[in-house]
Amino acid sequence: MLIQSLFAFFSTLGFGILFNIKGQKLFYAALGGGLSWFTSLYCESLGFNTTSSFFISAIIFSIYSEVLARVLKTPVTTLIICALIPLVPGGGMYYTMYEAINGDIMKSLEIGLTTLANAGSLSLGVIFVSTVTRLLMSARKKREFRELERRAKRKFKK
């Protein structure tokens, strides 16, 4: 698992270079790719199916990306896209088309639906964390605004 995660790190590093990410942001983006692949492999070793492991991995790397985006003061998108790269079900898409061309439509549909479920679970995991983060940030801003309002009212009463 560690060797595969290391390869995922380096493949994400290469993608980050193509994506024009600079400096330490490139390292952390690549680390997100390694983390996402490691999480997926670890969940599968625990007995989860691929779709579930992709969903859990998407939640983990999305949280990682949201936190580091604020620490590094960079858009979340650059980190999430890089962390997502090792999990993109490109092999499933290839084998879906391969089986369709060979005439095995049932096998093609089976692989295609699995691939679609895997891609959907990735997107749902990212959307879930993004929505929760947005709600938490909105609640935080409202709380800060109310506090400023209270301070202003106290100041004008004196």
Protein backbone atom coordinates (compact mmCIF):
# COMPACT_ATOMS: atom_id res chain seq x y z
CA MET A 1 0.00 0.00 0.00
CA LEU A 2 2.80 2.41 0.83
CA ILE A 3 4.59 1.83 -2.48
CA GLN A 4 1.37 2.39 -4.42
CA SER A 5 0.70 5.54 -2.40
CA LEU A 6 4.22 6.74 -3.18
CA PHE A 7 3.57 6.20 -6.89
CA ALA A 8 0.26 8.06 -6.52
CA PHE A 9 2.20 10.90 -4.86
CA PHE A 10 4.61 11.14 -7.80
CA SER A 11 1.90 10.86 -10.43
CA THR A 12 -0.01 13.64 -8.70
CA LEU A 13 3.22 15.64 -8.50
CA GLY A 14 3.57 15.34 -12.27
CA PHE A 15 -0.01 16.40 -12.79
CA GLY A 16 0.51 19.34 -10.44
CA ILE A 17 3.45 20.47 -12.56
CA LEU A 18 1.24 20.27 -15.66
CA PHE A 19 -1.47 22.14 -13.73
CA ASN A 20 1.13 24.86 -13.05
CA ILE A 21 1.12 24.65 -9.26
CA LYS A 22 4.19 26.24 -7.72
CA GLY A 23 6.26 25.90 -4.56
CA GLN A 24 5.08 24.17 -1.44
CA LYS A 25 1.53 24.07 -2.81
CA LEU A 26 2.76 21.50 -5.33
CA PHE A 27 4.11 19.28 -2.56
CA TYR A 28 0.88 19.47 -0.55
CA ALA A 29 -1.23 18.82 -3.66
CA ALA A 30 0.84 15.73 -4.41
CA LEU A 31 0.57 14.66 -0.79
CA GLY A 32 -3.21 14.86 -1.16
CA GLY A 33 -3.02 12.49 -4.13
CA GLY A 34 -0.98 10.01 -2.11
CA LEU A 35 -3.38 10.36 0.81
CA SER A 36 -6.42 9.75 -1.38
CA TRP A 37 -4.94 6.60 -2.90
CA PHE A 38 -3.76 5.30 0.48
CA THR A 39 -7.20 5.88 2.00
CA SER A 40 -8.86 4.06 -0.86
CA LEU A 41 -6.52 1.07 -0.57
CA TYR A 42 -6.86 0.98 3.19
CA CYS A 43 -10.66 0.98 3.03
CA GLU A 44 -10.60 -1.83 0.47
CA SER A 45 -8.28 -3.83 2.75
CA LEU A 46 -10.89 -3.42 5.50
CA GLY A 47 -13.48 -5.05 3.24
CA PHE A 48 -15.26 -2.05 1.74
CA ASN A 49 -16.21 -2.26 -1.91
CA THR A 50 -14.58 0.12 -4.39
CA THR A 51 -17.49 2.56 -4.48
CA SER A 52 -17.58 2.90 -0.69
CA SER A 53 -13.83 3.22 -0.43
CA PHE A 54 -13.86 5.96 -3.09
CA PHE A 55 -16.57 7.82 -1.16
CA ILE A 56 -14.64 7.63 2.12
CA SER A 57 -11.44 8.62 0.33
CA ALA A 58 -13.22 11.58 -1.27
CA ILE A 59 -14.37 12.76 2.15
CA ILE A 60 -10.84 12.43 3.59
CA PHE A 61 -9.03 14.22 0.76
CA SER A 62 -11.73 16.91 0.59
CA ILE A 63 -11.30 17.69 4.28
CA TYR A 64 -7.53 17.70 3.76
CA SER A 65 -7.91 20.08 0.80
CA GLU A 66 -10.30 22.42 2.62
CA VAL A 67 -7.99 22.73 5.61
CA LEU A 68 -4.81 23.18 3.59
CA ALA A 69 -6.44 25.66 1.22
CA ARG A 70 -7.05 27.94 4.17
CA VAL A 71 -3.58 27.37 5.62
CA LEU A 72 -1.83 27.93 2.27
CA LYS A 73 -4.27 30.67 1.19
CA THR A 74 -4.92 29.00 -2.16
CA PRO A 75 -8.12 27.95 -3.95
CA VAL A 76 -9.51 24.62 -2.78
CA THR A 77 -10.02 23.54 -6.37
CA THR A 78 -6.32 23.18 -7.11
CA LEU A 79 -5.83 20.83 -4.18
CA ILE A 80 -9.01 18.83 -4.72
CA ILE A 81 -8.38 18.25 -8.41
CA CYS A 82 -4.86 17.03 -7.73
CA ALA A 83 -5.99 14.75 -4.91
CA LEU A 84 -8.71 13.35 -7.16
CA ILE A 85 -6.35 12.35 -9.99
CA PRO A 86 -5.26 8.92 -8.67
CA LEU A 87 -8.88 7.90 -8.10
CA VAL A 88 -10.33 8.88 -11.49
CA PRO A 89 -11.81 5.64 -12.86
CA GLY A 90 -10.12 5.85 -16.25
CA GLY A 91 -9.48 2.12 -16.38
CA GLY A 92 -13.18 1.44 -15.90
CA MET A 93 -14.03 3.74 -18.79
CA TYR A 94 -11.46 2.03 -20.99
CA TYR A 95 -12.69 -1.47 -20.20
CA THR A 96 -16.31 -0.39 -20.69
CA MET A 97 -15.50 0.69 -24.23
CA TYR A 98 -13.27 -2.35 -24.80
CA GLU A 99 -16.06 -4.77 -23.91
CA ALA A 100 -18.57 -2.81 -25.99
CA ILE A 101 -16.31 -2.97 -29.04
CA ASN A 102 -15.73 -6.70 -28.48
CA GLY A 103 -19.49 -7.22 -28.46
CA ASP A 104 -19.96 -8.23 -24.82
CA ILE A 105 -22.68 -5.72 -24.05
CA MET A 106 -23.62 -7.21 -20.67
CA LYS A 107 -20.02 -7.05 -19.42
CA SER A 108 -19.75 -3.53 -20.83
CA LEU A 109 -22.88 -2.44 -18.95
CA GLU A 110 -21.66 -4.05 -15.74
CA ILE A 111 -18.28 -2.33 -15.89
CA GLY A 112 -19.86 0.93 -17.04
CA LEU A 113 -22.34 1.05 -14.17
CA THR A 114 -19.60 0.26 -11.65
CA THR A 115 -17.44 3.00 -13.15
CA LEU A 116 -20.35 5.45 -13.03
CA ALA A 117 -21.01 4.53 -9.38
CA ASN A 118 -17.33 5.06 -8.53
CA ALA A 119 -17.23 8.46 -10.24
CA GLY A 120 -20.50 9.43 -8.58
CA SER A 121 -19.25 8.47 -5.15
CA LEU A 122 -16.17 10.63 -5.67
CA SER A 123 -18.27 13.62 -6.63
CA LEU A 124 -20.71 13.07 -3.77
CA GLY A 125 -17.88 12.93 -1.25
CA VAL A 126 -16.41 16.19 -2.53
CA ILE A 127 -19.82 17.91 -2.64
CA PHE A 128 -20.66 16.70 0.87
CA VAL A 129 -17.52 18.16 2.42
CA SER A 130 -17.79 21.35 0.37
CA THR A 131 -21.39 21.89 1.49
CA VAL A 132 -20.64 21.25 5.15
CA THR A 133 -17.64 23.59 4.97
CA ARG A 134 -19.73 26.31 3.33
CA LEU A 135 -22.42 25.95 6.01
CA LEU A 136 -19.86 26.13 8.82
CA MET A 137 -18.19 29.19 7.33
CA SER A 138 -21.55 30.88 6.83
CA ALA A 139 -22.53 30.20 10.45
CA ARG A 140 -19.16 31.51 11.60
CA LYS A 141 -19.57 34.75 9.63
CA LYS A 142 -23.08 35.24 11.00
CA ARG A 143 -21.83 34.71 14.54
CA GLU A 144 -19.00 37.22 14.00
CA PHE A 145 -21.43 39.73 12.49
CA ARG A 146 -23.78 39.41 15.47
CA GLU A 147 -20.86 39.94 17.83
CA LEU A 148 -19.86 43.10 15.96
CA GLU A 149 -23.47 44.29 16.10
CA ARG A 150 -23.58 43.76 19.88
CA ARG A 151 -20.33 45.66 20.35
CA ALA A 152 -21.59 48.53 18.22
CA LYS A 153 -24.86 48.73 20.19
CA ARG A 154 -22.95 48.80 23.49
CA LYS A 155 -20.65 51.50 22.18
CA PHE A 156 -23.51 53.75 21.04
CA LYS A 157 -25.45 53.31 24.31
CA LYS A 158 -22.58 54.84 26.26
